[in-house]
Each structure stands twice: as structure tokens, then as C-alpha cells.
Amino acid sequence: TLDDEMSTHSKIISLKSGLLMHPVSQVYLALKWNCLSKYFWVTVIQYAIYVLSLSASTTYQTWIFGRNETLKNNCLDNSFDKDCYFPTTLKMNGPGHEYTFYSIYGLLAVNTAWLVFREFFQMCFNWPHWKRSKEDKMEAFLFTINIFYLIGVFHFPMSILKHLAAWSVFFAWIEMILLIGRFPRVGKFVHMFFNVSKILVKYLMVYTPAIMAFSLSFYILLSDTDPFLNPVNAIMKTSVMLLGELEFEGNFLWVTADKRTLHFPSTQLLIVLFLILGCIVIMNLLVGLAVDEIDVMREKGRKIRLEMTVDEIIRMEDLLVKKPTLIDCIPCCQESIIR
């Protein structure tokens, strides 16, 4: 029956079996995907409208607030002042800006409502599939932040609203990458990107003690300079220095025209050790390990793409074919969609 068509593939995924790569399995998935791809394109286009409206709303809001330097500076001292709430700022810029922003905001609100409804419907109708999907959980987290952002436009000061806006946009575009990863031609490259990222993070964790050693040493010796003003700054600056942004003249010279450092030769010895162990050894090891895994990741990316195809087919069948479905609301098209 239609309800059982994908049960074998679901079982293969749950058993972590390599049978999903079998030609027969791939042909079957290709046939199913050809039937459903047009509906997936509707999902992609609708989500693209959501991402673009979210990006437009958050960037427009930031631009409007950033135009007034005096207001920005005042809000740094008192972020809960009435002028630091976005509706007040928007009114200061005239009705034209209000109309533009609220038009974008309305489009975003409608798209968010639809996506939340679809996610809730899918969660209720197929809970076992939803609870094991990391992507669905990320979507739920994204929509939660987005709802807080939509409410916060009217009730939160800009100091809080900016955080909600930034994370909403970040997760929305990451989800867009995952959505693109379901396309057969490019899916494996998207999943290679995430797998190589995981490998780099794993190896970077191994080298964390070395980064901490240099960070805290630089903080102790150079705490009178802005990049190493506190331990957090020092860790961030040292991590960026791994990529080659050393700013040697500003931080590590023994003698300059206006001052003479009291920490010679420890600072200079540490920066030489950092150049050898950090910039050369660690970074080249990370790149080499990532490149060494490319062939394995290419094959693994194909497998993950097939798993995502299975998940997407099951998700669309949950929404369009199994009972009750969203298409029960449009009985005139019901038979043709199922067919």
C-alpha cells in the first residue's frame, strides 16, 4: 500500500545499513523523487520567500536604527529608553519607511505562520519520524526564535532585538543549505561541507590546549593592548591569528617609536613559537587531514543525500498522501496529487 512503500528504506536507515547505495534502491528513490519533485520545488520557493523576507526585515530594521548616530549612542547607555524600541525609531523616519517595513514584516509573519503550522502538522502526524530528525528539531528552534523576533519588534529594545534577528537569519540560511542538499545533483556536495566541518571541529578540539596556552600567555604579557585586554579577547584574537592575521607591528615589536615593551624577550619568543606551532604546524595539519578525508566524505555525502531523500519523500507523503492530510482541504485536486 501507499502507507508501506517507504517502510523498507526507513528500516535500512534505522539499521545504518549500506543497502541504500544499492542500484535497485537508488532507482526506486529516483522514480519516487520524479513523482514528488514538483511539490518539493513548491516547498523550496515558499521557504526562499520566507528567508528573503526575514533577511529584508532584519537588515532594513538594522539600517533604519543605524542611521541615527545620536540615538545609537544614547541606547548604549540606556537600552530600555523608550526611543530604543524599534516602532519609535521607525516613526522618527517618516510614514514611507513605516509602510515599507510593515509590508515586509507582514509577508514574513504570514510565511512564518504557514511554516509553523506545517511543522506542527508533521510533528503530530508522524512523531516517530519527527523526533529522530535533527533537521526538524533545528527548524523548530529556528521558528521559535523567529516568533520571538516577530513579537520582539514591538516589545523588546533594540539591544535584545538585534540578537534575535541575527540568530534567526543565521539559522534560516543554514536551513536553506540543508534544503538545497536534498537536490540529487548537488546534495552530496552540501553534505560534504557539513561532514568536513565536523572533522575540522573535532581535530581543532584536540589542539585546544595549545590555543589556550598561547592565548593566556599573550594575555598575561600584552594585557595593556586592546586585542588582549581580557582572556576572552585573547582567545578570540589568538584563534584569528591562526589564519595569519598577526598584526605583528601593532602587538609584538620590541621597540616602537612611542614605547618600549617591558616584556622582551618572552613576547617575541612566544610569537616565534606560535608562528611555527600554530600557523604552520596546526593549520597545515587541519588542512591536510580535511583533504585526506575528501574521498571518504564524497561517498558518505552520497549516502547522506539518499537518506535525506528518503526523509523528504516520507515527509511529503505524510503531508499529501496519508490520512488525514492537508489536501483534504482541497478535494478537487486530491486524486491528481495522490496519483
Protein backbone atom coordinates (compact mmCIF):
# COMPACT_ATOMS: atom_id res chain seq x y z
CA THR A 1 0.00 0.00 0.00
CA LEU A 2 0.96 3.65 -0.20
CA ASP A 3 1.48 3.70 3.55
CA ASP A 4 4.12 0.94 3.34
CA GLU A 5 6.03 1.98 0.20
CA MET A 6 8.88 3.64 2.08
CA SER A 7 8.98 1.28 5.08
CA THR A 8 11.91 -0.76 3.69
CA HIS A 9 14.03 2.33 3.12
CA SER A 10 13.17 3.63 6.58
CA LYS A 11 14.28 0.31 8.03
CA ILE A 12 17.57 0.46 6.08
CA ILE A 13 18.30 3.92 7.51
CA SER A 14 17.46 2.86 11.07
CA LEU A 15 19.82 -0.15 10.79
CA LYS A 16 22.66 2.08 9.41
CA SER A 17 22.93 -0.36 6.51
CA GLY A 18 24.78 0.32 3.25
CA LEU A 19 21.89 -1.14 1.22
CA LEU A 20 20.66 2.36 0.47
CA MET A 21 23.56 2.64 -2.02
CA HIS A 22 22.36 -0.47 -3.92
CA PRO A 23 21.42 0.37 -7.56
CA VAL A 24 17.89 -1.04 -7.16
CA SER A 25 17.31 1.13 -4.10
CA GLN A 26 18.68 4.21 -5.89
CA VAL A 27 16.49 3.60 -8.97
CA TYR A 28 13.42 3.26 -6.79
CA LEU A 29 14.22 6.50 -4.95
CA ALA A 30 14.83 8.27 -8.28
CA LEU A 31 11.39 7.17 -9.53
CA LYS A 32 9.71 8.31 -6.32
CA TRP A 33 11.60 11.61 -6.41
CA ASN A 34 10.49 12.29 -10.01
CA CYS A 35 6.89 11.96 -8.84
CA LEU A 36 7.33 14.33 -5.90
CA SER A 37 9.98 16.79 -7.07
CA LYS A 38 7.44 19.35 -8.34
CA TYR A 39 5.92 19.56 -4.85
CA PHE A 40 9.37 19.85 -3.33
CA TRP A 41 10.01 22.86 -5.59
CA VAL A 42 6.92 24.49 -4.08
CA THR A 43 8.47 23.95 -0.63
CA VAL A 44 11.80 25.42 -1.77
CA ILE A 45 10.21 28.50 -3.34
CA GLN A 46 7.99 29.11 -0.33
CA TYR A 47 10.95 28.74 2.05
CA ALA A 48 13.06 31.04 -0.16
CA ILE A 49 10.36 33.72 0.15
CA TYR A 50 10.45 33.23 3.93
CA VAL A 51 14.27 33.56 4.10
CA LEU A 52 14.32 36.62 1.85
CA SER A 53 11.54 38.36 3.79
CA LEU A 54 13.29 37.58 7.09
CA SER A 55 16.61 38.88 5.74
CA ALA A 56 14.93 42.01 4.34
CA SER A 57 13.09 42.70 7.59
CA THR A 58 16.16 42.31 9.83
CA THR A 59 18.55 44.25 7.58
CA TYR A 60 16.03 47.06 6.97
CA GLN A 61 15.40 47.33 10.70
CA THR A 62 19.16 47.49 11.38
CA TRP A 63 19.68 50.12 8.67
CA ILE A 64 16.85 52.30 10.00
CA PHE A 65 18.20 52.16 13.55
CA GLY A 66 21.80 52.74 12.46
CA ARG A 67 21.01 55.98 10.60
CA ASN A 68 20.73 57.98 13.82
CA GLU A 69 24.16 58.07 15.49
CA THR A 70 22.90 60.09 18.48
CA LEU A 71 20.15 57.57 19.16
CA LYS A 72 22.62 54.69 18.87
CA ASN A 73 24.97 56.26 21.41
CA ASN A 74 22.11 57.04 23.82
CA CYS A 75 20.91 53.44 23.65
CA LEU A 76 24.35 52.18 24.62
CA ASP A 77 23.92 53.94 27.98
CA ASN A 78 20.23 53.12 28.48
CA SER A 79 18.98 50.37 26.18
CA PHE A 80 15.48 50.38 27.77
CA ASP A 81 14.78 54.02 26.98
CA LYS A 82 11.51 54.47 25.04
CA ASP A 83 13.42 55.75 21.99
CA CYS A 84 15.39 52.49 21.84
CA TYR A 85 12.33 50.46 20.81
CA PHE A 86 12.03 49.93 17.08
CA PRO A 87 8.46 51.25 16.49
CA THR A 88 9.51 54.61 17.99
CA THR A 89 12.64 54.70 15.82
CA LEU A 90 10.58 53.82 12.75
CA LYS A 91 8.14 56.68 13.35
CA MET A 92 11.05 59.12 13.50
CA ASN A 93 11.94 58.20 9.90
CA GLY A 94 8.56 59.02 8.38
CA PRO A 95 5.50 57.12 7.02
CA GLY A 96 7.28 55.90 3.89
CA HIS A 97 9.71 53.77 5.91
CA GLU A 98 6.86 52.56 8.13
CA TYR A 99 4.86 51.34 5.12
CA THR A 100 7.90 49.57 3.61
CA PHE A 101 8.90 47.82 6.82
CA TYR A 102 5.40 46.70 7.81
CA SER A 103 4.81 45.32 4.29
CA ILE A 104 7.93 43.16 4.60
CA TYR A 105 7.01 42.30 8.19
CA GLY A 106 3.51 41.18 7.12
CA LEU A 107 4.94 38.89 4.42
CA LEU A 108 7.34 37.41 6.97
CA ALA A 109 4.58 36.88 9.53
CA VAL A 110 2.35 35.05 7.00
CA ASN A 111 5.19 32.79 5.86
CA THR A 112 6.23 32.05 9.43
CA ALA A 113 2.65 31.14 10.38
CA TRP A 114 2.42 28.71 7.46
CA LEU A 115 5.77 27.06 8.23
CA VAL A 116 4.91 26.70 11.92
CA PHE A 117 1.56 25.14 11.02
CA ARG A 118 3.21 22.73 8.58
CA GLU A 119 5.87 21.76 11.14
CA PHE A 120 3.23 21.23 13.85
CA PHE A 121 1.09 19.15 11.49
CA GLN A 122 4.07 16.97 10.57
CA MET A 123 5.11 16.59 14.21
CA CYS A 124 1.64 15.49 15.29
CA PHE A 125 1.04 13.19 12.32
CA ASN A 126 4.41 11.41 12.25
CA TRP A 127 6.01 11.84 15.65
CA PRO A 128 8.48 8.88 15.35
CA HIS A 129 9.97 10.36 12.17
CA TRP A 130 10.00 13.90 13.56
CA LYS A 131 11.70 13.12 16.87
CA ARG A 132 14.70 11.39 15.23
CA SER A 133 15.24 14.16 12.68
CA LYS A 134 17.90 16.68 13.75
CA GLU A 135 16.89 19.00 10.94
CA ASP A 136 13.26 19.11 12.12
CA LYS A 137 14.44 19.99 15.61
CA MET A 138 16.62 22.77 14.17
CA GLU A 139 13.61 24.06 12.22
CA ALA A 140 11.54 24.07 15.42
CA PHE A 141 14.31 26.04 17.16
CA LEU A 142 14.50 28.46 14.20
CA PHE A 143 10.75 29.09 14.21
CA THR A 144 10.78 29.62 17.99
CA ILE A 145 13.48 32.31 17.69
CA ASN A 146 11.64 33.82 14.73
CA ILE A 147 8.38 34.05 16.68
CA PHE A 148 10.24 35.82 19.50
CA TYR A 149 11.70 38.18 16.89
CA LEU A 150 8.25 38.93 15.41
CA ILE A 151 6.90 39.69 18.89
CA GLY A 152 10.06 41.50 19.92
CA VAL A 153 9.80 44.05 17.10
CA PHE A 154 7.07 45.71 19.20
CA HIS A 155 8.03 44.75 22.75
CA PHE A 156 11.84 44.35 23.01
CA PRO A 157 14.52 47.08 22.91
CA MET A 158 16.94 47.03 20.00
CA SER A 159 19.75 45.65 22.19
CA ILE A 160 17.75 42.40 22.55
CA LEU A 161 16.02 42.50 19.17
CA LYS A 162 19.34 42.52 17.31
CA HIS A 163 20.37 39.23 18.90
CA LEU A 164 17.08 37.57 17.94
CA ALA A 165 17.35 38.97 14.41
CA ALA A 166 20.94 37.79 13.95
CA TRP A 167 20.30 34.21 15.09
CA SER A 168 17.04 33.99 13.13
CA VAL A 169 18.83 34.96 9.91
CA PHE A 170 21.77 32.65 10.65
CA PHE A 171 19.67 29.52 11.23
CA ALA A 172 17.30 30.37 8.36
CA TRP A 173 20.13 30.44 5.80
CA ILE A 174 21.74 27.29 7.29
CA GLU A 175 18.39 25.54 6.86
CA MET A 176 18.36 26.81 3.25
CA ILE A 177 21.67 24.98 2.68
CA LEU A 178 20.15 21.76 4.05
CA LEU A 179 17.12 22.21 1.81
CA ILE A 180 19.38 22.58 -1.25
CA GLY A 181 21.16 19.42 -0.08
CA ARG A 182 18.09 17.37 -0.98
CA PHE A 183 18.57 18.01 -4.71
CA PRO A 184 20.17 14.91 -6.30
CA ARG A 185 22.80 16.78 -8.36
CA VAL A 186 24.23 18.97 -5.60
CA GLY A 187 23.18 17.16 -2.42
CA LYS A 188 26.42 15.27 -1.85
CA PHE A 189 28.48 18.48 -2.00
CA VAL A 190 26.31 20.12 0.66
CA HIS A 191 26.71 17.13 2.97
CA MET A 192 30.46 17.01 2.28
CA PHE A 193 30.58 20.61 3.53
CA PHE A 194 28.94 19.67 6.84
CA ASN A 195 30.97 16.46 7.27
CA VAL A 196 34.30 18.17 6.64
CA SER A 197 33.23 20.91 9.08
CA LYS A 198 32.60 18.26 11.75
CA ILE A 199 36.04 16.74 11.13
CA LEU A 200 37.77 20.12 11.40
CA VAL A 201 35.94 20.94 14.63
CA LYS A 202 36.87 17.52 16.07
CA TYR A 203 40.56 17.95 15.28
CA LEU A 204 40.51 21.57 16.43
CA MET A 205 39.24 20.39 19.83
CA VAL A 206 42.36 18.22 20.10
CA TYR A 207 44.54 21.29 19.61
CA THR A 208 42.53 23.46 22.04
CA PRO A 209 45.14 23.14 24.87
CA ALA A 210 47.79 24.60 22.54
CA ILE A 211 45.50 27.52 21.64
CA MET A 212 44.75 28.11 25.33
CA ALA A 213 48.47 28.04 26.15
CA PHE A 214 49.25 30.81 23.66
CA SER A 215 46.07 32.80 24.42
CA LEU A 216 46.63 33.06 28.17
CA SER A 217 50.35 33.70 27.75
CA PHE A 218 49.65 36.57 25.34
CA TYR A 219 47.02 37.93 27.74
CA ILE A 220 49.48 37.94 30.65
CA LEU A 221 52.17 39.71 28.64
CA LEU A 222 50.04 42.03 26.49
CA SER A 223 47.00 42.85 28.64
CA ASP A 224 47.65 46.58 28.12
CA THR A 225 46.73 46.30 24.40
CA ASP A 226 43.16 46.14 23.07
CA PRO A 227 43.33 42.73 21.32
CA PHE A 228 44.47 41.07 24.58
CA LEU A 229 42.56 43.26 27.03
CA ASN A 230 40.90 40.27 28.73
CA PRO A 231 41.13 36.45 28.46
CA VAL A 232 38.13 36.19 26.11
CA ASN A 233 39.62 38.79 23.75
CA ALA A 234 42.94 36.96 23.91
CA ILE A 235 41.39 33.60 22.97
CA MET A 236 39.45 35.13 20.06
CA LYS A 237 42.48 37.08 18.83
CA THR A 238 44.76 34.00 19.04
CA SER A 239 42.21 31.91 17.12
CA VAL A 240 42.11 34.56 14.38
CA MET A 241 45.92 34.71 14.36
CA LEU A 242 45.96 31.03 13.33
CA LEU A 243 44.63 32.20 9.96
CA GLY A 244 47.55 34.60 9.54
CA GLU A 245 46.14 37.87 10.88
CA LEU A 246 49.07 38.53 13.23
CA GLU A 247 49.30 42.38 13.24
CA PHE A 248 52.92 41.95 14.24
CA GLU A 249 53.82 45.65 14.12
CA GLY A 250 50.97 46.64 16.43
CA ASN A 251 51.41 43.98 19.11
CA PHE A 252 54.74 42.14 19.07
CA LEU A 253 57.56 44.61 18.27
CA TRP A 254 60.23 45.01 20.97
CA VAL A 255 60.81 48.73 20.37
CA THR A 256 58.48 51.21 18.60
CA ALA A 257 58.65 54.98 18.07
CA ASP A 258 56.40 55.77 21.02
CA LYS A 259 57.06 52.99 23.53
CA ARG A 260 59.36 50.22 24.60
CA THR A 261 57.90 46.95 25.84
CA LEU A 262 58.99 45.61 29.23
CA HIS A 263 58.38 42.01 28.28
CA PHE A 264 61.31 41.28 25.98
CA PRO A 265 62.19 38.54 25.12
CA SER A 266 59.18 36.42 26.29
CA THR A 267 56.70 38.07 23.92
CA GLN A 268 58.99 37.67 20.91
CA LEU A 269 59.86 34.04 21.76
CA LEU A 270 56.16 33.20 22.14
CA ILE A 271 55.22 34.75 18.79
CA VAL A 272 58.02 32.77 17.06
CA LEU A 273 56.75 29.56 18.69
CA PHE A 274 53.21 30.49 17.66
CA LEU A 275 54.28 31.02 14.04
CA ILE A 276 55.89 27.56 13.96
CA LEU A 277 53.41 25.51 16.00
CA GLY A 278 50.21 27.42 15.28
CA CYS A 279 50.30 28.99 11.83
CA ILE A 280 52.48 26.33 10.19
CA VAL A 281 52.00 23.02 12.05
CA ILE A 282 48.40 23.16 13.32
CA MET A 283 46.84 24.90 10.32
CA ASN A 284 48.62 22.69 7.78
CA LEU A 285 47.64 19.59 9.75
CA LEU A 286 44.00 20.68 9.76
CA VAL A 287 44.01 21.35 6.01
CA GLY A 288 45.87 18.09 5.30
CA LEU A 289 43.52 16.00 7.44
CA ALA A 290 40.48 17.58 5.76
CA VAL A 291 41.87 16.95 2.25
CA ASP A 292 42.80 13.38 3.20
CA GLU A 293 39.15 12.69 4.09
CA ILE A 294 37.66 14.12 0.87
CA ASP A 295 37.21 10.78 -0.93
CA VAL A 296 35.60 9.20 2.13
CA MET A 297 33.40 12.26 2.58
CA ARG A 298 32.32 12.19 -1.07
CA GLU A 299 31.00 8.64 -0.65
CA LYS A 300 29.49 9.41 2.73
CA GLY A 301 27.89 12.54 1.28
CA ARG A 302 26.12 10.42 -1.37
CA LYS A 303 24.76 8.13 1.32
CA ILE A 304 23.56 11.01 3.50
CA ARG A 305 21.94 12.64 0.46
CA LEU A 306 20.00 9.41 -0.19
CA GLU A 307 18.93 9.30 3.46
CA MET A 308 17.73 12.90 3.18
CA THR A 309 15.83 11.97 0.01
CA VAL A 310 14.06 9.18 1.91
CA ASP A 311 13.21 11.58 4.75
CA GLU A 312 11.89 14.20 2.31
CA ILE A 313 9.74 11.65 0.43
CA ILE A 314 8.29 10.39 3.73
CA ARG A 315 7.65 13.97 4.88
CA MET A 316 5.84 14.92 1.67
CA GLU A 317 3.78 11.72 1.68
CA ASP A 318 2.83 12.43 5.30
CA LEU A 319 1.54 15.83 4.22
CA LEU A 320 0.00 14.93 0.85
CA VAL A 321 -0.92 11.24 0.71
CA LYS A 322 -1.50 9.64 4.12
CA LYS A 323 -4.72 10.34 6.01
CA PRO A 324 -5.59 12.89 7.29
CA THR A 325 -3.66 15.27 5.04
CA LEU A 326 -3.51 18.92 4.09
CA ILE A 327 -5.06 18.15 0.71
CA ASP A 328 -8.30 17.07 2.40
CA CYS A 329 -8.97 20.82 2.39
CA ILE A 330 -8.89 20.89 -1.44
CA PRO A 331 -10.90 17.80 -2.58
CA CYS A 332 -10.95 18.99 -6.21
CA CYS A 333 -7.18 18.31 -6.55
CA GLN A 334 -6.95 15.38 -4.15
CA GLU A 335 -6.96 12.50 -6.62
CA SER A 336 -4.49 14.05 -9.08
CA ILE A 337 -1.99 14.89 -6.31
CA ILE A 338 -2.09 11.38 -4.84
CA ARG A 339 -1.79 9.85 -8.31
